[in-house]
Amino acid sequence: MWKSFNTGDKVLEGDTIRYRLGSTHPLSSLDKIFDVIKTEQHYFEIVERNGQVCCDEEDRRIIKYMDVGYHINLEIWSGKEPYLRETKNEQMGNRR
């Protein structure tokens, strides 16, 4: 299940996150799933999940905690099992 990643929340290496609707990032980022590969006190680093890379370079980003909730809207996967892509019907049901 996806839950909002709010100001003050922290991530751990291996967490799965995605951009949420309303984020200032391009719409193309909304369909991508990212894994947290590094965490520090003030920032964390994410990389696009394997198997979704369309180019030769991987999509790697550094996100400052102070931007989360203000400039960047994220969601974090909170399920016990590894992330499984939701079907279109499940996605539409969650947005009502």
C-alpha atoms as a PDB file:
ATOM      1  CA  MET A   1       0.000   0.000   0.000  1.00  0.00           C
ATOM      2  CA  TRP A   2       1.271   3.469  -0.875  1.00  0.00           C
ATOM      3  CA  LYS A   3       1.236   6.124   1.854  1.00  0.00           C
ATOM      4  CA  SER A   4       2.174   9.791   1.785  1.00  0.00           C
ATOM      5  CA  PHE A   5       5.762  10.652   2.608  1.00  0.00           C
ATOM      6  CA  ASN A   6       5.438  13.739   4.802  1.00  0.00           C
ATOM      7  CA  THR A   7       7.747  16.414   6.122  1.00  0.00           C
ATOM      8  CA  GLY A   8       9.845  14.964   8.947  1.00  0.00           C
ATOM      9  CA  ASP A   9       9.560  11.354   7.743  1.00  0.00           C
ATOM     10  CA  LYS A  10      12.779   9.460   7.054  1.00  0.00           C
ATOM     11  CA  VAL A  11      13.570   6.678   4.580  1.00  0.00           C
ATOM     12  CA  LEU A  12      15.815   3.645   4.851  1.00  0.00           C
ATOM     13  CA  GLU A  13      18.037   2.091   2.228  1.00  0.00           C
ATOM     14  CA  GLY A  14      15.941  -0.321   0.183  1.00  0.00           C
ATOM     15  CA  ASP A  15      12.663   1.601   0.604  1.00  0.00           C
ATOM     16  CA  THR A  16      10.502   2.027  -2.494  1.00  0.00           C
ATOM     17  CA  ILE A  17       9.106   5.461  -3.349  1.00  0.00           C
ATOM     18  CA  ARG A  18       7.336   7.244  -6.178  1.00  0.00           C
ATOM     19  CA  TYR A  19       6.313  10.785  -7.035  1.00  0.00           C
ATOM     20  CA  ARG A  20       2.755  11.700  -6.125  1.00  0.00           C
ATOM     21  CA  LEU A  21       0.231  13.655  -8.176  1.00  0.00           C
ATOM     22  CA  GLY A  22       0.644  17.354  -7.539  1.00  0.00           C
ATOM     23  CA  SER A  23       4.424  17.124  -7.511  1.00  0.00           C
ATOM     24  CA  THR A  24       6.349  19.783  -9.410  1.00  0.00           C
ATOM     25  CA  HIS A  25       8.264  17.127 -11.366  1.00  0.00           C
ATOM     26  CA  PRO A  26       7.310  16.237 -14.948  1.00  0.00           C
ATOM     27  CA  LEU A  27       4.414  13.843 -15.441  1.00  0.00           C
ATOM     28  CA  SER A  28       6.847  11.274 -16.858  1.00  0.00           C
ATOM     29  CA  SER A  29       8.243  10.834 -13.324  1.00  0.00           C
ATOM     30  CA  LEU A  30       4.820   9.815 -11.982  1.00  0.00           C
ATOM     31  CA  ASP A  31       4.990   6.398 -13.658  1.00  0.00           C
ATOM     32  CA  LYS A  32       8.453   5.598 -12.320  1.00  0.00           C
ATOM     33  CA  ILE A  33       9.253   3.639  -9.185  1.00  0.00           C
ATOM     34  CA  PHE A  34      12.459   4.437  -7.292  1.00  0.00           C
ATOM     35  CA  ASP A  35      14.536   2.558  -4.739  1.00  0.00           C
ATOM     36  CA  VAL A  36      16.417   4.371  -1.985  1.00  0.00           C
ATOM     37  CA  ILE A  37      20.106   3.494  -2.335  1.00  0.00           C
ATOM     38  CA  LYS A  38      21.716   5.893   0.144  1.00  0.00           C
ATOM     39  CA  THR A  39      20.570   7.856   3.183  1.00  0.00           C
ATOM     40  CA  GLU A  40      22.284  10.670   5.034  1.00  0.00           C
ATOM     41  CA  GLN A  41      21.149  13.077   7.712  1.00  0.00           C
ATOM     42  CA  HIS A  42      19.901  15.787   5.328  1.00  0.00           C
ATOM     43  CA  TYR A  43      19.273  13.944   2.054  1.00  0.00           C
ATOM     44  CA  PHE A  44      18.723  10.594   0.409  1.00  0.00           C
ATOM     45  CA  GLU A  45      19.575   9.214  -2.998  1.00  0.00           C
ATOM     46  CA  ILE A  46      17.170   7.300  -5.225  1.00  0.00           C
ATOM     47  CA  VAL A  47      17.577   5.358  -8.444  1.00  0.00           C
ATOM     48  CA  GLU A  48      14.911   4.195 -10.850  1.00  0.00           C
ATOM     49  CA  ARG A  49      13.966   0.580 -10.248  1.00  0.00           C
ATOM     50  CA  ASN A  50      15.676  -1.939 -12.553  1.00  0.00           C
ATOM     51  CA  GLY A  51      13.652  -3.071 -15.516  1.00  0.00           C
ATOM     52  CA  GLN A  52      12.067   0.335 -16.053  1.00  0.00           C
ATOM     53  CA  VAL A  53      15.117   2.122 -17.418  1.00  0.00           C
ATOM     54  CA  CYS A  54      14.462   3.211 -20.998  1.00  0.00           C
ATOM     55  CA  CYS A  55      17.866   4.733 -21.670  1.00  0.00           C
ATOM     56  CA  ASP A  56      21.515   3.782 -21.198  1.00  0.00           C
ATOM     57  CA  GLU A  57      21.846   5.947 -18.080  1.00  0.00           C
ATOM     58  CA  GLU A  58      19.978   5.145 -14.900  1.00  0.00           C
ATOM     59  CA  ASP A  59      17.700   7.800 -13.445  1.00  0.00           C
ATOM     60  CA  ARG A  60      19.478   8.776 -10.198  1.00  0.00           C
ATOM     61  CA  ARG A  61      18.323  11.670  -8.015  1.00  0.00           C
ATOM     62  CA  ILE A  62      19.336  13.269  -4.730  1.00  0.00           C
ATOM     63  CA  ILE A  63      16.456  14.565  -2.615  1.00  0.00           C
ATOM     64  CA  LYS A  64      16.846  16.881   0.355  1.00  0.00           C
ATOM     65  CA  TYR A  65      14.546  16.083   3.275  1.00  0.00           C
ATOM     66  CA  MET A  66      13.730  19.794   3.615  1.00  0.00           C
ATOM     67  CA  ASP A  67      12.137  19.744   0.113  1.00  0.00           C
ATOM     68  CA  VAL A  68       9.762  16.846   0.869  1.00  0.00           C
ATOM     69  CA  GLY A  69       6.249  18.125   1.415  1.00  0.00           C
ATOM     70  CA  TYR A  70       7.121  21.625   0.229  1.00  0.00           C
ATOM     71  CA  HIS A  71       8.564  21.231  -3.281  1.00  0.00           C
ATOM     72  CA  ILE A  72       8.393  17.467  -3.773  1.00  0.00           C
ATOM     73  CA  ASN A  73       5.423  15.187  -3.097  1.00  0.00           C
ATOM     74  CA  LEU A  74       6.331  11.543  -2.603  1.00  0.00           C
ATOM     75  CA  GLU A  75       4.702   8.292  -1.558  1.00  0.00           C
ATOM     76  CA  ILE A  76       6.436   5.367   0.124  1.00  0.00           C
ATOM     77  CA  TRP A  77       5.553   1.682  -0.211  1.00  0.00           C
ATOM     78  CA  SER A  78       4.527   0.374   3.202  1.00  0.00           C
ATOM     79  CA  GLY A  79       3.569  -3.188   2.307  1.00  0.00           C
ATOM     80  CA  LYS A  80       5.346  -6.190   3.717  1.00  0.00           C
ATOM     81  CA  GLU A  81       5.915  -7.748   0.315  1.00  0.00           C
ATOM     82  CA  PRO A  82       8.027  -6.145  -2.390  1.00  0.00           C
ATOM     83  CA  TYR A  83       6.202  -3.545  -4.451  1.00  0.00           C
ATOM     84  CA  LEU A  84       3.883  -4.955  -7.106  1.00  0.00           C
ATOM     85  CA  ARG A  85       2.515  -2.620  -9.768  1.00  0.00           C
ATOM     86  CA  GLU A  86      -1.176  -1.885  -9.163  1.00  0.00           C
ATOM     87  CA  THR A  87      -3.705  -2.513 -11.889  1.00  0.00           C
ATOM     88  CA  LYS A  88      -5.477   0.449 -13.522  1.00  0.00           C
ATOM     89  CA  ASN A  89      -8.710  -0.372 -11.617  1.00  0.00           C
ATOM     90  CA  GLU A  90      -6.891  -0.299  -8.255  1.00  0.00           C
ATOM     91  CA  GLN A  91      -5.236   3.014  -9.134  1.00  0.00           C
ATOM     92  CA  MET A  92      -8.548   4.609 -10.099  1.00  0.00           C
ATOM     93  CA  GLY A  93     -10.184   3.330  -6.904  1.00  0.00           C
ATOM     94  CA  ASN A  94      -7.436   4.935  -4.770  1.00  0.00           C
ATOM     95  CA  ARG A  95      -7.902   8.372  -6.366  1.00  0.00           C
ATOM     96  CA  ARG A  96     -11.596   8.767  -5.537  1.00  0.00           C
END
